[in-house]
């Protein structure tokens, strides 16, 4: 597997300054969360560096690269190809950087939409991508950042609730990936169970 310093150099060449600043924010946040929750530190760093590697690709390119690799493409992804950047980054990670750790590749694949019953590393990257320091302060961000170091499942629930509210108000609901709804339902169940305890 590629060394994180080497991967960082390669990512730096592939993305804009602004995107790189975000990637470093995610990498550092994921590393902090890994220390807090006892996840593998190096895996968190590599997942953080890789997650947006394919973001610079155009919609057309994302679709053709996904097709070439026989990646499953949902109707929502077909209509909103930017949603494919996580799946593609995982594929590039495997092909270009010899990353074969399924937990890292899973975290990169699902960092945008989430999925029900995420692994610890998947929840860490999903959360780090949302709360990293360069993100603008949106309603609820302060509470989410605080919760991130207290209870990761509750944080995932809060992020999904916030994200769905924002997307439903600002975009056509057909642009919301089905995985996001399924993930919200899963973590909402956990949230309600904990409230009932």
Protein backbone atom coordinates (compact mmCIF):
# COMPACT_ATOMS: atom_id res chain seq x y z
CA UNK A 1 0.00 0.00 0.00
CA UNK A 2 1.18 3.51 -0.79
CA UNK A 3 2.77 5.54 2.01
CA UNK A 4 0.62 8.49 3.15
CA UNK A 5 3.34 11.08 2.37
CA UNK A 6 3.63 9.73 -1.17
CA UNK A 7 -0.16 9.71 -1.58
CA UNK A 8 -0.36 13.31 -0.33
CA UNK A 9 2.11 14.41 -3.05
CA UNK A 10 0.10 12.66 -5.76
CA UNK A 11 -3.21 14.10 -4.53
CA UNK A 12 -1.66 17.59 -4.40
CA UNK A 13 -0.85 17.38 -8.12
CA UNK A 14 -4.36 16.20 -9.05
CA UNK A 15 -6.55 18.83 -7.33
CA UNK A 16 -6.96 22.60 -6.97
CA UNK A 17 -5.56 24.56 -4.00
CA UNK A 18 -9.01 24.94 -2.49
CA UNK A 19 -9.81 21.23 -2.85
CA UNK A 20 -6.41 20.30 -1.39
CA UNK A 21 -7.03 22.54 1.63
CA UNK A 22 -10.31 20.66 2.22
CA UNK A 23 -8.60 17.27 1.78
CA UNK A 24 -5.93 18.14 4.36
CA UNK A 25 -8.67 19.32 6.74
CA UNK A 26 -10.47 15.98 6.31
CA UNK A 27 -7.24 13.99 6.71
CA UNK A 28 -6.37 15.80 9.98
CA UNK A 29 -9.91 15.57 11.34
CA UNK A 30 -10.13 11.86 10.46
CA UNK A 31 -6.79 11.31 12.23
CA UNK A 32 -8.10 13.05 15.38
CA UNK A 33 -11.32 11.01 15.33
CA UNK A 34 -9.32 7.80 14.80
CA UNK A 35 -7.32 8.58 17.96
CA UNK A 36 -10.50 9.38 19.87
CA UNK A 37 -12.31 6.17 18.90
CA UNK A 38 -9.38 3.74 18.58
CA UNK A 39 -9.55 3.27 14.80
CA UNK A 40 -6.42 2.63 12.75
CA UNK A 41 -4.63 5.97 12.46
CA UNK A 42 -2.87 5.31 9.12
CA UNK A 43 -6.08 4.02 7.53
CA UNK A 44 -7.90 7.21 8.57
CA UNK A 45 -5.12 9.38 7.09
CA UNK A 46 -5.08 7.49 3.78
CA UNK A 47 -8.89 7.51 3.50
CA UNK A 48 -8.90 11.27 4.20
CA UNK A 49 -6.29 11.92 1.51
CA UNK A 50 -7.99 9.76 -1.11
CA UNK A 51 -11.67 10.64 -0.64
CA UNK A 52 -11.91 13.58 -3.09
CA UNK A 53 -9.18 12.49 -5.52
CA UNK A 54 -11.70 12.23 -8.39
CA UNK A 55 -13.66 15.40 -7.59
CA UNK A 56 -11.93 17.39 -10.39
CA UNK A 57 -13.30 15.04 -13.09
CA UNK A 58 -16.14 16.38 -15.24
CA UNK A 59 -19.58 14.74 -15.07
CA UNK A 60 -19.01 13.19 -18.48
CA UNK A 61 -15.63 11.80 -17.42
CA UNK A 62 -17.04 10.40 -14.17
CA UNK A 63 -19.73 8.50 -16.06
CA UNK A 64 -17.33 7.13 -18.67
CA UNK A 65 -14.73 6.12 -16.03
CA UNK A 66 -17.45 4.39 -13.98
CA UNK A 67 -18.69 2.58 -17.08
CA UNK A 68 -15.17 1.51 -18.04
CA UNK A 69 -14.71 -0.02 -14.60
CA UNK A 70 -18.18 -1.65 -14.57
CA UNK A 71 -19.10 0.25 -11.39
CA UNK A 72 -22.79 0.15 -10.47
CA UNK A 73 -24.42 3.48 -11.38
CA UNK A 74 -27.84 4.29 -9.94
CA UNK A 75 -30.38 6.46 -11.74
CA UNK A 76 -29.61 9.32 -9.35
CA UNK A 77 -25.86 8.97 -10.08
CA UNK A 78 -26.63 8.88 -13.81
CA UNK A 79 -28.47 12.20 -13.46
CA UNK A 80 -26.00 13.68 -10.94
CA UNK A 81 -22.62 12.11 -11.83
CA UNK A 82 -20.65 14.07 -9.17
CA UNK A 83 -22.09 11.54 -6.70
CA UNK A 84 -19.77 8.96 -8.29
CA UNK A 85 -16.56 10.64 -7.10
CA UNK A 86 -16.28 8.44 -3.99
CA UNK A 87 -16.75 5.15 -5.87
CA UNK A 88 -14.24 6.30 -8.48
CA UNK A 89 -11.68 7.44 -5.89
CA UNK A 90 -11.87 3.97 -4.30
CA UNK A 91 -11.34 2.37 -7.73
CA UNK A 92 -8.36 4.65 -8.43
CA UNK A 93 -7.00 3.88 -4.96
CA UNK A 94 -7.02 0.19 -5.77
CA UNK A 95 -5.59 0.59 -9.29
CA UNK A 96 -3.12 3.46 -9.02
CA UNK A 97 -2.04 3.38 -5.38
CA UNK A 98 -2.30 -0.34 -4.54
CA UNK A 99 -4.70 0.27 -1.66
CA UNK A 100 -6.45 -3.05 -1.06
CA UNK A 101 -7.74 -2.47 2.47
CA UNK A 102 -11.50 -2.90 2.04
CA UNK A 103 -12.25 -0.69 5.07
CA UNK A 104 -10.34 2.25 3.56
CA UNK A 105 -11.96 1.70 0.16
CA UNK A 106 -15.41 1.39 1.77
CA UNK A 107 -14.90 4.63 3.70
CA UNK A 108 -13.90 6.44 0.48
CA UNK A 109 -16.81 4.91 -1.48
CA UNK A 110 -19.48 5.94 1.04
CA UNK A 111 -18.11 9.26 2.35
CA UNK A 112 -20.76 11.35 0.51
CA UNK A 113 -24.01 9.40 0.81
CA UNK A 114 -23.21 7.17 3.77
CA UNK A 115 -24.73 3.70 4.03
CA UNK A 116 -26.61 1.81 6.73
CA UNK A 117 -24.45 0.15 9.38
CA UNK A 118 -21.15 1.85 8.52
CA UNK A 119 -17.87 0.58 9.97
CA UNK A 120 -16.01 2.77 12.46
CA UNK A 121 -13.66 4.06 9.74
CA UNK A 122 -16.59 4.72 7.38
CA UNK A 123 -18.32 6.81 10.08
CA UNK A 124 -15.06 8.64 10.83
CA UNK A 125 -14.49 9.70 7.20
CA UNK A 126 -18.17 10.56 6.67
CA UNK A 127 -18.01 12.80 9.77
CA UNK A 128 -14.57 14.30 9.04
CA UNK A 129 -15.70 15.32 5.55
CA UNK A 130 -18.60 17.26 7.06
CA UNK A 131 -16.93 18.91 10.07
CA UNK A 132 -13.37 19.66 8.92
CA UNK A 133 -12.22 23.17 9.95
CA UNK A 134 -12.42 24.72 6.45
CA UNK A 135 -16.16 24.04 6.17
CA UNK A 136 -18.30 27.16 6.49
CA UNK A 137 -20.37 27.49 9.64
CA UNK A 138 -23.86 26.33 8.79
CA UNK A 139 -26.75 25.99 11.25
CA UNK A 140 -26.10 23.08 13.61
CA UNK A 141 -22.37 22.78 12.76
CA UNK A 142 -21.18 23.78 16.25
CA UNK A 143 -23.30 21.08 17.95
CA UNK A 144 -22.26 18.48 15.35
CA UNK A 145 -18.55 19.26 15.88
CA UNK A 146 -18.99 18.89 19.64
CA UNK A 147 -20.92 15.63 19.30
CA UNK A 148 -18.27 14.18 16.94
CA UNK A 149 -15.97 13.57 19.91
CA UNK A 150 -18.74 12.23 22.16
CA UNK A 151 -20.86 9.78 20.13
CA UNK A 152 -20.11 8.98 16.48
CA UNK A 153 -23.44 7.29 15.67
CA UNK A 154 -25.36 10.29 17.02
CA UNK A 155 -23.08 12.57 14.96
CA UNK A 156 -23.84 10.62 11.77
CA UNK A 157 -27.57 10.95 12.55
CA UNK A 158 -27.21 14.74 13.10
CA UNK A 159 -25.22 15.18 9.85
CA UNK A 160 -27.78 13.23 7.82
CA UNK A 161 -30.70 15.12 9.34
CA UNK A 162 -28.98 18.44 8.55
CA UNK A 163 -27.97 17.33 5.05
CA UNK A 164 -31.42 16.06 4.08
CA UNK A 165 -33.09 19.22 5.39
CA UNK A 166 -30.65 21.36 3.38
CA UNK A 167 -30.96 19.27 0.19
CA UNK A 168 -34.76 19.11 0.35
CA UNK A 169 -34.90 22.91 0.68
CA UNK A 170 -32.31 23.75 -1.99
CA UNK A 171 -32.29 21.03 -4.65
CA UNK A 172 -34.72 18.87 -6.48
CA UNK A 173 -35.33 15.86 -4.18
CA UNK A 174 -34.67 13.58 -7.18
CA UNK A 175 -31.00 14.61 -6.75
CA UNK A 176 -30.82 12.98 -3.32
CA UNK A 177 -29.28 9.54 -3.47
CA UNK A 178 -31.42 6.69 -2.12
CA UNK A 179 -28.48 5.58 0.06
CA UNK A 180 -28.72 8.85 1.98
CA UNK A 181 -32.36 8.19 2.90
CA UNK A 182 -31.59 4.58 3.84
CA UNK A 183 -28.63 5.69 5.95
CA UNK A 184 -30.74 8.31 7.71
CA UNK A 185 -33.43 5.71 8.51
CA UNK A 186 -30.80 3.36 9.96
CA UNK A 187 -29.15 5.99 12.21
CA UNK A 188 -32.50 7.56 13.13
CA UNK A 189 -33.49 4.15 14.57
CA UNK A 190 -30.33 4.14 16.71
CA UNK A 191 -30.99 7.76 17.76
CA UNK A 192 -34.56 6.92 18.84
CA UNK A 193 -33.39 3.80 20.70
CA UNK A 194 -30.79 5.79 22.62
CA UNK A 195 -33.36 8.48 23.47
CA UNK A 196 -35.65 5.77 24.81
CA UNK A 197 -32.97 4.28 27.09
